[in-house]
Amino acid sequence: MNSGFMYILECSDGTFYTGSTNDLERRMGEHQSGSGANYTMRRLSVELVYYEEYDRIDTAFYRVKQVQGWSRKKKTALINGEHHLLPSLAKKVFRKKCKCGFDTILPNN
């Protein structure tokens, strides 16, 4: 398999877009020309603020799915290299036993 990248763009409206590719330079050109993703096309201009390189594109894609679920604060800590903050910014999940006998997962938002 080809190498891959997980990347984060900051869009003109201040939102983040997280994606993966096997050619970061080409993909950035697509995003900046408006032929990338629909999300970034409506929020031009975009700036590359973070990326990670992987040996395999599927690993980069898996990482995208992980980071997409993160809060803005957690993504910002990653972008700023504040890795020590990541565990404390993780969403906490509580399990509660319901009357039916099954565990219910309650997010702490």
Protein backbone atom coordinates (compact mmCIF):
# COMPACT_ATOMS: atom_id res chain seq x y z
CA MET A 1 0.00 0.00 0.00
CA ASN A 2 1.00 3.63 -0.48
CA SER A 3 1.96 5.99 2.29
CA GLY A 4 -0.76 8.26 3.56
CA PHE A 5 -1.41 11.51 5.36
CA MET A 6 -3.99 12.59 7.90
CA TYR A 7 -4.38 16.35 7.71
CA ILE A 8 -6.36 19.17 9.31
CA LEU A 9 -7.33 22.33 7.45
CA GLU A 10 -8.62 25.54 8.97
CA CYS A 11 -11.33 27.04 6.79
CA SER A 12 -12.14 30.71 6.29
CA ASP A 13 -15.00 30.48 8.80
CA GLY A 14 -12.66 29.12 11.49
CA THR A 15 -13.90 25.53 11.32
CA PHE A 16 -11.61 22.53 10.93
CA TYR A 17 -11.74 19.94 8.15
CA THR A 18 -9.98 16.62 8.69
CA GLY A 19 -9.07 14.40 5.74
CA SER A 20 -6.66 11.80 4.40
CA THR A 21 -4.73 11.41 1.17
CA ASN A 22 -1.73 9.68 -0.35
CA ASP A 23 -0.56 12.95 -2.00
CA LEU A 24 -0.78 15.91 0.37
CA GLU A 25 0.47 18.52 -2.10
CA ARG A 26 -2.04 17.50 -4.79
CA ARG A 27 -4.90 17.34 -2.30
CA MET A 28 -4.10 20.80 -0.92
CA GLY A 29 -4.24 22.16 -4.47
CA GLU A 30 -7.65 20.55 -4.93
CA HIS A 31 -8.98 22.04 -1.69
CA GLN A 32 -7.64 25.52 -2.49
CA SER A 33 -9.05 25.48 -6.02
CA GLY A 34 -12.51 24.49 -4.78
CA SER A 35 -12.42 21.00 -6.28
CA GLY A 36 -11.67 19.23 -2.99
CA ALA A 37 -14.44 18.31 -0.58
CA ASN A 38 -17.87 19.95 -0.63
CA TYR A 39 -17.26 21.15 2.93
CA THR A 40 -14.11 23.10 2.05
CA MET A 41 -15.48 24.31 -1.29
CA ARG A 42 -18.05 26.40 0.59
CA ARG A 43 -15.46 27.69 3.09
CA LEU A 44 -12.54 28.91 0.99
CA SER A 45 -9.82 29.80 1.66
CA VAL A 46 -8.29 26.92 3.58
CA GLU A 47 -4.97 26.62 5.38
CA LEU A 48 -3.10 23.43 6.26
CA VAL A 49 -2.59 23.63 10.03
CA TYR A 50 -1.54 20.06 10.86
CA TYR A 51 -0.62 16.73 9.29
CA GLU A 52 0.71 13.29 10.20
CA GLU A 53 2.37 10.86 7.79
CA TYR A 54 1.78 7.10 7.90
CA ASP A 55 3.25 4.11 6.08
CA ARG A 56 -0.22 3.08 4.89
CA ILE A 57 -3.19 5.07 3.62
CA ASP A 58 -5.64 2.91 5.57
CA THR A 59 -3.85 3.85 8.81
CA ALA A 60 -4.19 7.54 7.89
CA PHE A 61 -7.89 7.01 7.15
CA TYR A 62 -8.39 5.31 10.54
CA ARG A 63 -6.70 8.28 12.23
CA VAL A 64 -9.04 10.69 10.39
CA LYS A 65 -12.06 8.85 11.77
CA GLN A 66 -10.58 9.07 15.27
CA VAL A 67 -9.79 12.81 15.09
CA GLN A 68 -13.11 13.71 13.42
CA GLY A 69 -14.87 12.65 16.62
CA TRP A 70 -12.80 14.99 18.77
CA SER A 71 -13.94 18.30 20.20
CA ARG A 72 -12.58 21.55 18.80
CA LYS A 73 -10.52 22.06 21.98
CA LYS A 74 -8.89 18.66 21.59
CA LYS A 75 -8.11 19.25 17.89
CA THR A 76 -6.61 22.64 18.78
CA ALA A 77 -4.37 21.02 21.40
CA LEU A 78 -3.18 18.50 18.78
CA ILE A 79 -2.49 21.28 16.26
CA ASN A 80 -0.58 23.30 18.86
CA GLY A 81 1.51 20.29 19.93
CA GLU A 82 0.01 20.27 23.42
CA HIS A 83 -0.15 16.48 23.59
CA HIS A 84 -0.18 16.50 27.40
CA LEU A 85 -3.69 18.07 27.26
CA LEU A 86 -5.25 15.40 25.03
CA PRO A 87 -6.23 12.91 27.77
CA SER A 88 -7.96 15.58 29.85
CA LEU A 89 -9.90 16.80 26.79
CA ALA A 90 -11.27 13.36 25.96
CA LYS A 91 -15.03 12.98 26.21
CA LYS A 92 -15.94 11.01 29.27
CA VAL A 93 -18.49 8.21 28.97
CA PHE A 94 -20.49 6.89 31.91
CA ARG A 95 -22.13 3.49 32.03
CA LYS A 96 -25.40 3.05 33.89
CA LYS A 97 -27.28 -0.19 34.44
CA CYS A 98 -30.87 0.26 33.30
CA LYS A 99 -33.89 -1.66 34.62
CA CYS A 100 -33.80 -3.97 31.59
CA GLY A 101 -30.39 -5.30 32.70
CA PHE A 102 -28.37 -3.79 29.86
CA ASP A 103 -25.68 -1.14 30.20
CA THR A 104 -26.61 2.28 28.91
CA ILE A 105 -23.84 4.61 27.77
CA LEU A 106 -24.40 8.21 28.77
CA PRO A 107 -22.09 10.85 27.27
CA ASN A 108 -20.84 13.57 29.57
CA ASN A 109 -21.20 16.69 27.40
